[in-house]
Amino acid sequence: MPDTLLTDDELRALNDRFEAAHPREIVRWALEESGLREVALASAFQAEGTCVMHMATRIRPDVPVLFLQTGFHFDETLTFKRRLTELLGLNVVELTGAHTPSSQAEAFGPRLYERDPEQCCDINKVQPMLSALIGRDAWVTAFRRDSSPTRATAPIVDRYELEPGTWIVKVNPVATWTRRDTWSYLKEHALPHNPLYDLGYASIGCAPCTRLSLPGEHEREGRWAGLSKWECGIQDSGTGGGSEQDVGTTVDEAAGAAERR
């Protein structure tokens, strides 16, 4: 990794430059112009991630795509992941934690995701992702500011501390997009989507911690419903401007369904 990552002045200049830019320009900067050599995408194969993976593989076909195989995904998500991997020729790197669902239940008791979702996320998401990012220069995410209050002020380019003294650049190319922008891009490029969206899911994570969204909710309120938890915890170390990651105004359910058609 480079001895010095982006300075505060460089971060400000990049965020000013990219605030009105198309995400494609931001992805191209990350993969070709930034000088950052070891760059990976991180994706849960949601709609925004599909857009970012499509943009990135047009620029660098073999860019690594980090996928957290938690053991708790919907079958529909895994089937869609296989379909999109074949369609785009993705270089998917599957990340797993220290436990399978069975060994986790033996070690911590059944249904840890209900009793202590923070610990479950740490085991299955945070620790595997942080380990995979060590030694990389940058990672590219796929979340929008308007998808939840925790993401509302996220910068497009940020710094992230993986562990004390170890930093990485984090790039959020679709931060300024709306849900409508996302589905317009999918339609424009004839890209598929997870069929769970058609059932009314707005944000799709692990099956035990994801429910259908209700009218008037932020998209991510269907995640860890009933808890004061919006994020899995991976994004809590950004320092370039208060970013939070997992992954306009939220359109209502009818408009979203119309866009998908």
Protein backbone atom coordinates (compact mmCIF):
# COMPACT_ATOMS: atom_id res chain seq x y z
CA MET A 1 0.00 0.00 0.00
CA PRO A 2 1.21 3.56 -0.56
CA ASP A 3 2.96 5.21 2.37
CA THR A 4 0.52 8.11 2.28
CA LEU A 5 -3.12 7.90 1.26
CA LEU A 6 -5.15 10.89 0.16
CA THR A 7 -4.58 14.09 2.10
CA ASP A 8 -7.45 16.16 3.48
CA ASP A 9 -7.02 18.65 0.63
CA GLU A 10 -7.07 15.87 -1.96
CA LEU A 11 -10.21 14.38 -0.43
CA ARG A 12 -11.99 17.73 -0.51
CA ALA A 13 -10.96 18.34 -4.12
CA LEU A 14 -12.09 14.87 -5.23
CA ASN A 15 -15.43 15.14 -3.45
CA ASP A 16 -16.04 18.56 -5.00
CA ARG A 17 -15.13 17.19 -8.43
CA PHE A 18 -17.32 14.10 -8.17
CA GLU A 19 -20.42 15.57 -6.51
CA ALA A 20 -22.07 16.15 -9.90
CA ALA A 21 -20.23 13.41 -11.81
CA HIS A 22 -21.74 10.25 -13.24
CA PRO A 23 -20.73 7.21 -11.17
CA ARG A 24 -19.01 5.80 -14.26
CA GLU A 25 -16.47 8.65 -14.08
CA ILE A 26 -15.85 7.93 -10.40
CA VAL A 27 -15.36 4.21 -11.01
CA ARG A 28 -12.96 4.98 -13.85
CA TRP A 29 -10.96 7.27 -11.56
CA ALA A 30 -10.72 4.55 -8.90
CA LEU A 31 -9.64 1.83 -11.33
CA GLU A 32 -7.51 3.75 -13.85
CA GLU A 33 -6.59 7.27 -12.78
CA SER A 34 -6.13 7.24 -9.02
CA GLY A 35 -2.80 5.44 -8.92
CA LEU A 36 -4.27 2.99 -6.41
CA ARG A 37 -3.17 -0.44 -7.58
CA GLU A 38 -4.97 -2.97 -5.41
CA VAL A 39 -8.64 -2.08 -5.75
CA ALA A 40 -11.63 -4.34 -5.07
CA LEU A 41 -15.38 -3.96 -5.21
CA ALA A 42 -17.58 -5.06 -2.32
CA SER A 43 -21.08 -6.19 -3.23
CA ALA A 44 -24.08 -8.00 -1.79
CA PHE A 45 -25.55 -8.17 -5.32
CA GLN A 46 -28.27 -5.63 -4.68
CA ALA A 47 -29.46 -3.32 -7.45
CA GLU A 48 -26.87 -0.60 -6.85
CA GLY A 49 -24.09 -3.18 -6.70
CA THR A 50 -25.19 -4.60 -10.02
CA CYS A 51 -24.79 -1.13 -11.57
CA VAL A 52 -21.34 -0.60 -10.07
CA MET A 53 -20.14 -4.08 -11.09
CA HIS A 54 -21.35 -3.45 -14.64
CA MET A 55 -19.48 -0.12 -14.81
CA ALA A 56 -16.33 -1.57 -13.27
CA THR A 57 -16.09 -4.68 -15.45
CA ARG A 58 -16.37 -2.53 -18.57
CA ILE A 59 -13.16 -0.85 -17.39
CA ARG A 60 -11.31 -3.69 -15.65
CA PRO A 61 -12.95 -7.07 -16.37
CA ASP A 62 -11.00 -8.97 -13.70
CA VAL A 63 -11.53 -6.53 -10.82
CA PRO A 64 -12.13 -8.58 -7.64
CA VAL A 65 -15.68 -8.54 -6.28
CA LEU A 66 -15.75 -9.30 -2.55
CA PHE A 67 -18.91 -11.15 -1.48
CA LEU A 68 -19.69 -12.02 2.13
CA GLN A 69 -20.95 -15.61 2.16
CA THR A 70 -22.54 -15.45 5.58
CA GLY A 71 -24.47 -18.70 5.31
CA PHE A 72 -27.70 -16.82 5.92
CA HIS A 73 -28.50 -15.40 2.47
CA PHE A 74 -31.81 -15.89 0.72
CA ASP A 75 -31.69 -18.66 -1.87
CA GLU A 76 -32.88 -16.07 -4.39
CA THR A 77 -29.82 -13.91 -3.67
CA LEU A 78 -27.40 -16.78 -4.24
CA THR A 79 -29.16 -17.83 -7.44
CA PHE A 80 -29.04 -14.25 -8.71
CA LYS A 81 -25.37 -13.98 -7.77
CA ARG A 82 -24.56 -17.03 -9.89
CA ARG A 83 -26.59 -15.64 -12.80
CA LEU A 84 -24.93 -12.22 -12.75
CA THR A 85 -21.47 -13.72 -12.27
CA GLU A 86 -21.93 -15.70 -15.47
CA LEU A 87 -23.50 -12.78 -17.36
CA LEU A 88 -20.76 -10.25 -16.51
CA GLY A 89 -17.87 -12.71 -16.12
CA LEU A 90 -17.31 -11.51 -12.57
CA ASN A 91 -14.20 -12.33 -10.56
CA VAL A 92 -16.05 -13.06 -7.30
CA VAL A 93 -14.05 -13.66 -4.13
CA GLU A 94 -16.25 -15.30 -1.49
CA LEU A 95 -15.49 -14.31 2.09
CA THR A 96 -16.47 -16.46 5.04
CA GLY A 97 -16.19 -15.95 8.76
CA ALA A 98 -14.81 -18.22 11.44
CA HIS A 99 -18.10 -20.11 11.75
CA THR A 100 -20.70 -21.84 9.64
CA PRO A 101 -24.31 -21.38 10.76
CA SER A 102 -24.09 -24.76 12.52
CA SER A 103 -20.81 -24.11 14.33
CA GLN A 104 -21.99 -20.61 15.25
CA ALA A 105 -25.08 -22.10 16.89
CA GLU A 106 -22.91 -24.60 18.77
CA ALA A 107 -20.52 -21.88 19.96
CA PHE A 108 -22.97 -19.10 20.79
CA GLY A 109 -26.37 -20.75 20.99
CA PRO A 110 -29.19 -20.77 18.45
CA ARG A 111 -30.44 -17.70 16.57
CA LEU A 112 -27.57 -15.40 17.50
CA TYR A 113 -28.84 -13.00 14.83
CA GLU A 114 -31.91 -12.38 17.01
CA ARG A 115 -30.22 -12.29 20.42
CA ASP A 116 -27.09 -10.34 19.48
CA PRO A 117 -27.17 -9.12 15.87
CA GLU A 118 -24.08 -6.97 16.42
CA GLN A 119 -22.02 -10.04 17.30
CA CYS A 120 -23.51 -12.03 14.44
CA CYS A 121 -22.62 -9.27 11.97
CA ASP A 122 -19.15 -8.97 13.43
CA ILE A 123 -18.51 -12.70 12.99
CA ASN A 124 -19.99 -13.06 9.52
CA LYS A 125 -19.46 -9.66 7.92
CA VAL A 126 -17.13 -7.25 9.68
CA GLN A 127 -14.17 -9.50 10.46
CA PRO A 128 -14.11 -11.36 7.10
CA MET A 129 -14.35 -8.09 5.16
CA LEU A 130 -11.65 -6.32 7.16
CA SER A 131 -9.34 -9.30 6.70
CA ALA A 132 -9.94 -9.28 2.95
CA LEU A 133 -9.19 -5.55 2.69
CA ILE A 134 -5.81 -5.74 4.42
CA GLY A 135 -3.13 -5.17 1.80
CA ARG A 136 -5.47 -3.40 -0.63
CA ASP A 137 -5.26 0.26 -1.56
CA ALA A 138 -8.97 0.94 -2.08
CA TRP A 139 -12.40 -0.59 -2.11
CA VAL A 140 -15.47 0.47 -4.05
CA THR A 141 -18.90 0.24 -2.45
CA ALA A 142 -22.44 0.60 -3.78
CA PHE A 143 -24.67 2.58 -1.46
CA ARG A 144 -26.79 5.69 -1.81
CA ARG A 145 -27.03 8.55 0.64
CA ASP A 146 -30.80 8.64 0.48
CA SER A 147 -31.29 4.99 1.44
CA SER A 148 -31.04 5.69 5.19
CA PRO A 149 -30.25 8.52 7.64
CA THR A 150 -26.92 6.89 8.55
CA ARG A 151 -25.69 7.38 4.98
CA ALA A 152 -27.03 10.87 4.34
CA THR A 153 -23.69 12.69 4.65
CA ALA A 154 -21.39 10.03 3.22
CA PRO A 155 -18.62 11.44 1.04
CA ILE A 156 -17.89 9.97 -2.37
CA VAL A 157 -14.21 9.43 -1.59
CA ASP A 158 -13.17 8.71 1.98
CA ARG A 159 -10.45 7.24 4.18
CA TYR A 160 -11.12 4.16 6.29
CA GLU A 161 -9.06 2.74 9.14
CA LEU A 162 -8.97 -1.04 8.88
CA GLU A 163 -7.00 -1.39 12.09
CA PRO A 164 -4.91 1.09 14.08
CA GLY A 165 -2.48 2.69 11.65
CA THR A 166 -3.71 0.79 8.57
CA TRP A 167 -5.73 2.92 6.16
CA ILE A 168 -7.53 2.32 2.89
CA VAL A 169 -9.36 4.56 0.44
CA LYS A 170 -13.10 3.97 0.19
CA VAL A 171 -14.98 5.04 -2.95
CA ASN A 172 -18.77 5.40 -3.01
CA PRO A 173 -19.58 6.08 -6.69
CA VAL A 174 -23.39 5.94 -6.46
CA ALA A 175 -23.64 7.96 -3.23
CA THR A 176 -25.57 10.76 -4.98
CA TRP A 177 -27.93 8.48 -6.90
CA THR A 178 -31.59 7.94 -6.10
CA ARG A 179 -33.47 4.66 -6.29
CA ARG A 180 -34.91 5.86 -9.59
CA ASP A 181 -31.41 6.44 -10.98
CA THR A 182 -30.46 2.89 -10.05
CA TRP A 183 -33.40 1.24 -11.77
CA SER A 184 -33.07 3.50 -14.81
CA TYR A 185 -29.48 2.29 -15.25
CA LEU A 186 -30.54 -1.35 -14.93
CA LYS A 187 -33.23 -0.81 -17.55
CA GLU A 188 -30.91 1.12 -19.89
CA HIS A 189 -28.35 -1.70 -19.89
CA ALA A 190 -30.85 -4.58 -19.76
CA LEU A 191 -29.38 -5.82 -16.48
CA PRO A 192 -31.24 -8.33 -14.29
CA HIS A 193 -32.12 -7.90 -10.62
CA ASN A 194 -32.74 -10.03 -7.57
CA PRO A 195 -36.34 -11.31 -7.84
CA LEU A 196 -36.95 -10.42 -4.19
CA TYR A 197 -37.34 -6.80 -5.29
CA ASP A 198 -40.44 -7.84 -7.20
CA LEU A 199 -41.95 -9.14 -3.97
CA GLY A 200 -41.56 -5.76 -2.29
CA TYR A 201 -38.16 -5.96 -0.60
CA ALA A 202 -36.31 -2.64 -0.78
CA SER A 203 -32.99 -3.63 0.84
CA ILE A 204 -31.83 -7.24 0.86
CA GLY A 205 -29.42 -8.71 3.36
CA CYS A 206 -29.35 -11.95 5.32
CA ALA A 207 -32.72 -13.69 5.35
CA PRO A 208 -33.27 -13.76 9.14
CA CYS A 209 -32.66 -10.02 9.43
CA THR A 210 -34.57 -8.76 6.38
CA ARG A 211 -38.30 -8.12 6.04
CA LEU A 212 -40.53 -6.41 3.51
CA SER A 213 -40.48 -2.63 3.67
CA LEU A 214 -43.59 -0.78 4.79
CA PRO A 215 -44.99 2.36 3.12
CA GLY A 216 -43.19 5.49 4.27
CA GLU A 217 -40.13 3.68 5.65
CA HIS A 218 -36.56 4.29 4.64
CA GLU A 219 -35.35 1.42 2.50
CA ARG A 220 -33.12 -0.02 5.20
CA GLU A 221 -35.78 -0.05 7.90
CA GLY A 222 -36.58 -3.55 6.71
CA ARG A 223 -33.13 -4.61 7.95
CA TRP A 224 -32.82 -5.57 11.63
CA ALA A 225 -36.42 -4.41 12.07
CA GLY A 226 -37.37 -3.31 15.55
CA LEU A 227 -33.77 -2.64 16.55
CA SER A 228 -31.81 0.61 16.67
CA LYS A 229 -29.48 -0.83 14.04
CA TRP A 230 -29.10 0.40 10.49
CA GLU A 231 -25.70 -0.95 9.44
CA CYS A 232 -23.74 -4.17 9.81
CA GLY A 233 -20.72 -2.30 11.21
CA ILE A 234 -18.25 -2.49 8.32
CA GLN A 235 -18.53 1.19 7.57
CA ASP A 236 -17.95 2.72 10.96
CA SER A 237 -14.31 3.79 10.57
CA GLY A 238 -14.55 6.35 7.80
CA THR A 239 -12.80 9.59 8.69
CA GLY A 240 -12.81 11.65 5.53
CA GLY A 241 -16.23 13.12 6.15
CA GLY A 242 -18.44 10.98 8.31
CA SER A 243 -19.24 8.15 5.93
CA GLU A 244 -21.21 5.05 6.85
CA GLN A 245 -21.65 2.08 4.57
CA ASP A 246 -23.10 -1.27 4.57
CA VAL A 247 -24.12 -0.54 0.66
CA GLY A 248 -33.11 11.64 -4.08
CA THR A 249 -36.08 10.63 -2.13
CA THR A 250 -37.13 7.03 -1.75
CA VAL A 251 -39.82 6.32 -4.31
CA ASP A 252 -42.98 4.67 -3.10
CA GLU A 253 -43.68 1.00 -3.67
CA ALA A 254 -45.87 1.54 -6.70
CA ALA A 255 -43.31 3.75 -8.44
CA GLY A 256 -40.55 1.28 -7.66
CA ALA A 257 -42.54 -1.59 -9.14
CA ALA A 258 -43.27 0.47 -12.22
CA GLU A 259 -39.59 1.28 -12.71
CA ARG A 260 -38.66 -2.41 -12.47
CA ARG A 261 -41.15 -3.24 -15.20
